[in-house]
Amino acid sequence: MRFRVSRIHRQHMLSAVFLAGQLLSRGVAAQSFPLDACKGFQPKNVTVECASYRGRKAVRVTSLPGADAAYNMQQSGTGGGIVLLPRSSFHNGTIDVDVAAMPRVHAPALARGFAGIAFRVPPDATRYDYVYIRPTNGRADDQERRNHSAQYASFPNNEWLKLRKESPGKYESYVDLVPGAWTHLRIEINGVRMRLYVNRASQPTLLVNDLKLGDCSGAVALWIGVGTEAYFAHLQLKPQGK
């Protein structure tokens, strides 16, 4: 009898350990990233450094001049790249971050200061969903450009140009933006649904009901597009139900 109890107890312990691992892998524990230091960051096709911007400690992410010069919209999607956050894990819940972005000096003419967040990124970063803003579009004199102020896309098979051609207006929207100003983004994700809230608005700027990579888990990354200089501060991940 003593052996049986010990075995059952051990099984319960193993089950608990397994469940904890599953929960952690899905990002159940809330995570906070002050973004005032660059330790452990993993930049891919961009540069990242610590900075101070408009009175706040932040990380500065910039596109690579060589990549910008060789950028071809038809072949390269959005250009730019990502910065993977160390030990980040996310499935469903909310992502909050402050971002300030603008076209960098000598950026290509089509640069808009593209900046946002990539989520559910696998270890090899070969695919991810992402949502971003185009700050110079927010107050443009052209209405069509204004309508392209916020955008959802999915790397590598459903970039913005493909989505715009196949489903005009479905994956982008207008929002008031000022280049270089701190802008708060709140991204709510549940299964294959995403909601983007800008500057603490009560209603979402952009709604997506068919995330292209489906219902999955992964890391979170800072994202920028071609010709961009962006600053990110105080990122928080909050799992669903927390």
Protein backbone atom coordinates (compact mmCIF):
# COMPACT_ATOMS: atom_id res chain seq x y z
CA MET A 1 0.00 0.00 0.00
CA ARG A 2 2.82 2.40 0.81
CA PHE A 3 4.33 1.77 -2.63
CA ARG A 4 0.98 2.44 -4.33
CA VAL A 5 0.48 5.75 -2.57
CA SER A 6 4.02 6.78 -3.47
CA ARG A 7 3.46 5.91 -7.10
CA ILE A 8 0.16 7.80 -7.28
CA HIS A 9 1.72 10.78 -5.57
CA ARG A 10 4.56 10.73 -8.07
CA GLN A 11 2.11 10.58 -10.96
CA HIS A 12 0.26 13.59 -9.60
CA MET A 13 3.52 15.51 -9.29
CA LEU A 14 4.51 14.67 -12.84
CA SER A 15 1.09 15.74 -14.10
CA ALA A 16 1.39 19.03 -12.27
CA VAL A 17 4.84 19.67 -13.70
CA PHE A 18 3.59 18.88 -17.20
CA LEU A 19 0.57 21.17 -16.81
CA ALA A 20 2.78 24.00 -15.53
CA GLY A 21 5.06 23.58 -18.51
CA GLN A 22 2.11 23.70 -20.89
CA LEU A 23 0.75 26.83 -19.26
CA LEU A 24 4.11 28.56 -19.36
CA SER A 25 4.60 27.60 -22.98
CA ARG A 26 1.29 29.31 -23.75
CA GLY A 27 2.33 32.46 -21.96
CA VAL A 28 -0.02 32.19 -18.97
CA ALA A 29 2.35 34.12 -16.73
CA ALA A 30 2.11 37.88 -17.25
CA GLN A 31 5.34 39.39 -18.59
CA SER A 32 6.66 42.94 -18.54
CA PHE A 33 9.46 44.34 -20.70
CA PRO A 34 10.51 47.89 -19.69
CA LEU A 35 12.56 48.13 -22.93
CA ASP A 36 15.16 50.28 -21.21
CA ALA A 37 17.98 47.80 -21.88
CA CYS A 38 18.90 45.66 -24.88
CA LYS A 39 20.23 42.58 -23.13
CA GLY A 40 19.18 39.36 -24.80
CA PHE A 41 17.38 40.97 -27.73
CA GLN A 42 17.61 39.13 -31.04
CA PRO A 43 17.48 41.53 -34.01
CA LYS A 44 16.80 40.08 -37.44
CA ASN A 45 17.53 42.34 -40.44
CA VAL A 46 17.42 45.49 -38.25
CA THR A 47 19.62 47.26 -35.70
CA VAL A 48 18.63 47.75 -32.05
CA GLU A 49 20.18 49.93 -29.35
CA CYS A 50 19.28 51.57 -26.04
CA ALA A 51 18.13 55.17 -26.35
CA SER A 52 16.32 58.06 -24.71
CA TYR A 53 13.50 59.60 -26.70
CA ARG A 54 11.24 62.47 -25.66
CA GLY A 55 12.07 62.00 -22.01
CA ARG A 56 11.63 58.22 -21.93
CA LYS A 57 14.08 55.35 -21.88
CA ALA A 58 13.45 53.11 -24.85
CA VAL A 59 15.01 50.88 -27.46
CA ARG A 60 15.69 52.30 -30.89
CA VAL A 61 15.12 50.02 -33.86
CA THR A 62 16.21 51.05 -37.35
CA SER A 63 16.14 49.49 -40.77
CA LEU A 64 19.39 48.61 -42.49
CA PRO A 65 20.45 51.20 -45.12
CA GLY A 66 21.74 48.53 -47.47
CA ALA A 67 18.49 46.57 -47.29
CA ASP A 68 16.47 49.76 -47.75
CA ALA A 69 18.46 50.64 -50.88
CA ALA A 70 17.81 47.19 -52.37
CA TYR A 71 14.14 47.13 -51.36
CA ASN A 72 11.67 46.02 -54.01
CA MET A 73 8.05 46.30 -52.90
CA GLN A 74 6.85 43.58 -55.26
CA GLN A 75 9.43 41.07 -54.02
CA SER A 76 10.20 42.01 -50.44
CA GLY A 77 6.85 42.55 -48.75
CA THR A 78 7.36 45.21 -46.09
CA GLY A 79 11.15 45.10 -45.82
CA GLY A 80 12.62 45.83 -42.38
CA GLY A 81 12.61 43.07 -39.79
CA ILE A 82 12.00 42.13 -36.17
CA VAL A 83 13.59 42.15 -32.72
CA LEU A 84 12.67 39.04 -30.74
CA LEU A 85 12.08 39.70 -27.03
CA PRO A 86 14.04 37.32 -24.79
CA ARG A 87 11.96 34.63 -23.04
CA SER A 88 8.68 36.05 -24.32
CA SER A 89 5.80 33.60 -24.70
CA PHE A 90 2.31 34.36 -25.96
CA HIS A 91 -0.87 32.60 -27.04
CA ASN A 92 -4.07 34.53 -26.24
CA GLY A 93 -4.43 37.80 -24.33
CA THR A 94 -3.27 41.39 -24.73
CA ILE A 95 -0.06 43.10 -25.79
CA ASP A 96 0.44 46.72 -24.72
CA VAL A 97 3.32 48.86 -25.97
CA ASP A 98 4.27 52.49 -26.59
CA VAL A 99 5.86 53.25 -29.94
CA ALA A 100 7.12 56.36 -31.70
CA ALA A 101 8.10 56.02 -35.34
CA MET A 102 9.01 58.00 -38.43
CA PRO A 103 10.89 57.54 -41.72
CA ARG A 104 14.62 57.52 -41.03
CA VAL A 105 17.02 59.96 -42.66
CA HIS A 106 17.54 59.14 -46.36
CA ALA A 107 14.70 56.61 -46.30
CA PRO A 108 13.09 55.52 -49.56
CA ALA A 109 10.26 57.82 -50.70
CA LEU A 110 7.65 55.17 -49.93
CA ALA A 111 8.67 54.92 -46.26
CA ARG A 112 5.88 55.78 -43.83
CA GLY A 113 7.51 55.05 -40.46
CA PHE A 114 6.10 51.50 -40.36
CA ALA A 115 6.24 50.13 -36.80
CA GLY A 116 4.33 47.60 -34.74
CA ILE A 117 4.35 44.17 -33.10
CA ALA A 118 4.85 40.65 -34.42
CA PHE A 119 3.28 37.87 -32.36
CA ARG A 120 3.26 34.10 -32.05
CA VAL A 121 6.72 33.97 -33.59
CA PRO A 122 8.28 30.46 -33.73
CA PRO A 123 11.94 29.93 -32.68
CA ASP A 124 13.19 30.07 -36.26
CA ALA A 125 11.18 33.26 -36.98
CA THR A 126 10.25 31.95 -40.43
CA ARG A 127 6.62 33.05 -40.08
CA TYR A 128 4.54 35.34 -37.89
CA ASP A 129 1.45 37.50 -37.80
CA TYR A 130 1.94 41.22 -37.19
CA VAL A 131 0.08 44.51 -36.92
CA TYR A 132 1.54 47.97 -37.40
CA ILE A 133 0.93 51.66 -38.00
CA ARG A 134 1.98 54.04 -40.77
CA PRO A 135 2.39 57.35 -38.86
CA THR A 136 2.86 59.62 -41.88
CA ASN A 137 -0.49 58.46 -43.28
CA GLY A 138 -2.57 59.55 -40.29
CA ARG A 139 -2.88 63.19 -41.33
CA ALA A 140 -2.04 62.94 -45.02
CA ASP A 141 -3.89 65.21 -47.46
CA ASP A 142 -4.88 62.18 -49.51
CA GLN A 143 -7.88 60.20 -48.17
CA GLU A 144 -6.69 56.91 -49.63
CA ARG A 145 -3.41 57.20 -47.72
CA ARG A 146 -5.32 57.95 -44.52
CA ASN A 147 -7.28 54.75 -45.01
CA HIS A 148 -3.98 52.85 -44.87
CA SER A 149 -2.89 54.12 -41.42
CA ALA A 150 -3.10 50.76 -39.58
CA GLN A 151 -2.37 47.37 -41.12
CA TYR A 152 -2.44 43.65 -40.35
CA ALA A 153 -0.29 41.25 -42.36
CA SER A 154 1.31 37.82 -42.05
CA PHE A 155 4.88 36.90 -42.97
CA PRO A 156 5.84 35.47 -45.41
CA ASN A 157 2.77 34.38 -47.39
CA ASN A 158 0.25 37.14 -46.71
CA GLU A 159 2.11 40.43 -46.80
CA TRP A 160 0.25 43.74 -47.03
CA LEU A 161 0.35 44.07 -50.81
CA LYS A 162 -1.21 40.66 -51.38
CA LEU A 163 -3.91 41.28 -48.78
CA ARG A 164 -4.70 44.72 -50.21
CA LYS A 165 -5.04 43.34 -53.73
CA GLU A 166 -7.14 40.32 -52.72
CA SER A 167 -9.29 42.00 -50.04
CA PRO A 168 -9.18 45.80 -50.41
CA GLY A 169 -9.82 47.60 -47.13
CA LYS A 170 -10.32 44.44 -45.06
CA TYR A 171 -6.98 44.33 -43.26
CA GLU A 172 -6.23 48.05 -42.85
CA SER A 173 -7.95 51.11 -41.46
CA TYR A 174 -7.71 54.81 -40.65
CA VAL A 175 -6.50 56.15 -37.31
CA ASP A 176 -5.21 59.59 -36.35
CA LEU A 177 -1.40 59.44 -36.04
CA VAL A 178 1.46 61.91 -35.71
CA PRO A 179 4.97 60.89 -36.91
CA GLY A 180 7.46 60.75 -34.03
CA ALA A 181 4.82 61.07 -31.30
CA TRP A 182 4.48 58.42 -28.62
CA THR A 183 1.54 56.21 -29.59
CA HIS A 184 0.01 53.52 -27.41
CA LEU A 185 -0.93 50.24 -29.08
CA ARG A 186 -3.08 47.60 -27.42
CA ILE A 187 -3.47 44.33 -29.29
CA GLU A 188 -6.07 41.82 -28.15
CA ILE A 189 -5.74 38.28 -29.53
CA ASN A 190 -8.05 35.32 -29.08
CA GLY A 191 -7.69 32.29 -31.32
CA VAL A 192 -7.82 33.59 -34.89
CA ARG A 193 -9.22 37.00 -33.90
CA MET A 194 -7.28 40.21 -33.30
CA ARG A 195 -8.33 43.70 -32.22
CA LEU A 196 -6.04 46.75 -32.40
CA TYR A 197 -6.71 49.73 -30.13
CA VAL A 198 -4.72 52.95 -30.61
CA ASN A 199 -4.06 55.61 -27.96
CA ARG A 200 -6.41 53.98 -25.43
CA ALA A 201 -9.51 54.38 -27.57
CA SER A 202 -12.57 52.50 -26.32
CA GLN A 203 -13.27 51.08 -29.78
CA PRO A 204 -10.81 49.13 -31.93
CA THR A 205 -9.17 50.73 -34.93
CA LEU A 206 -8.77 47.43 -36.76
CA LEU A 207 -10.58 44.09 -36.49
CA VAL A 208 -9.25 40.85 -37.97
CA ASN A 209 -11.26 37.63 -37.67
CA ASP A 210 -9.05 35.27 -39.68
CA LEU A 211 -5.43 35.45 -38.55
CA LYS A 212 -3.55 33.73 -41.35
CA LEU A 213 -1.36 31.50 -39.18
CA GLY A 214 -4.33 30.18 -37.25
CA ASP A 215 -4.50 29.59 -33.49
CA CYS A 216 -0.91 29.06 -32.35
CA SER A 217 1.66 30.19 -29.77
CA GLY A 218 5.09 31.77 -29.90
CA ALA A 219 7.30 34.69 -28.99
CA VAL A 220 6.63 38.41 -29.34
CA ALA A 221 8.83 40.76 -31.35
CA LEU A 222 9.18 44.44 -32.13
CA TRP A 223 8.57 44.96 -35.83
CA ILE A 224 9.53 47.72 -38.29
CA GLY A 225 9.30 48.10 -42.06
CA VAL A 226 11.50 49.61 -44.72
CA GLY A 227 13.10 53.01 -44.07
CA THR A 228 12.00 53.24 -40.44
CA GLU A 229 13.40 54.70 -37.23
CA ALA A 230 11.27 53.59 -34.28
CA TYR A 231 11.35 53.74 -30.49
CA PHE A 232 9.61 51.21 -28.27
CA ALA A 233 8.93 51.46 -24.52
CA HIS A 234 7.16 49.55 -21.76
CA LEU A 235 5.79 46.42 -23.41
CA GLN A 236 3.48 44.18 -21.39
CA LEU A 237 2.01 40.78 -22.16
CA LYS A 238 -1.13 39.81 -20.29
CA PRO A 239 -2.56 36.31 -20.85
CA GLN A 240 -6.26 35.88 -21.36
CA GLY A 241 -8.14 35.65 -18.07
CA LYS A 242 -5.42 37.39 -16.03
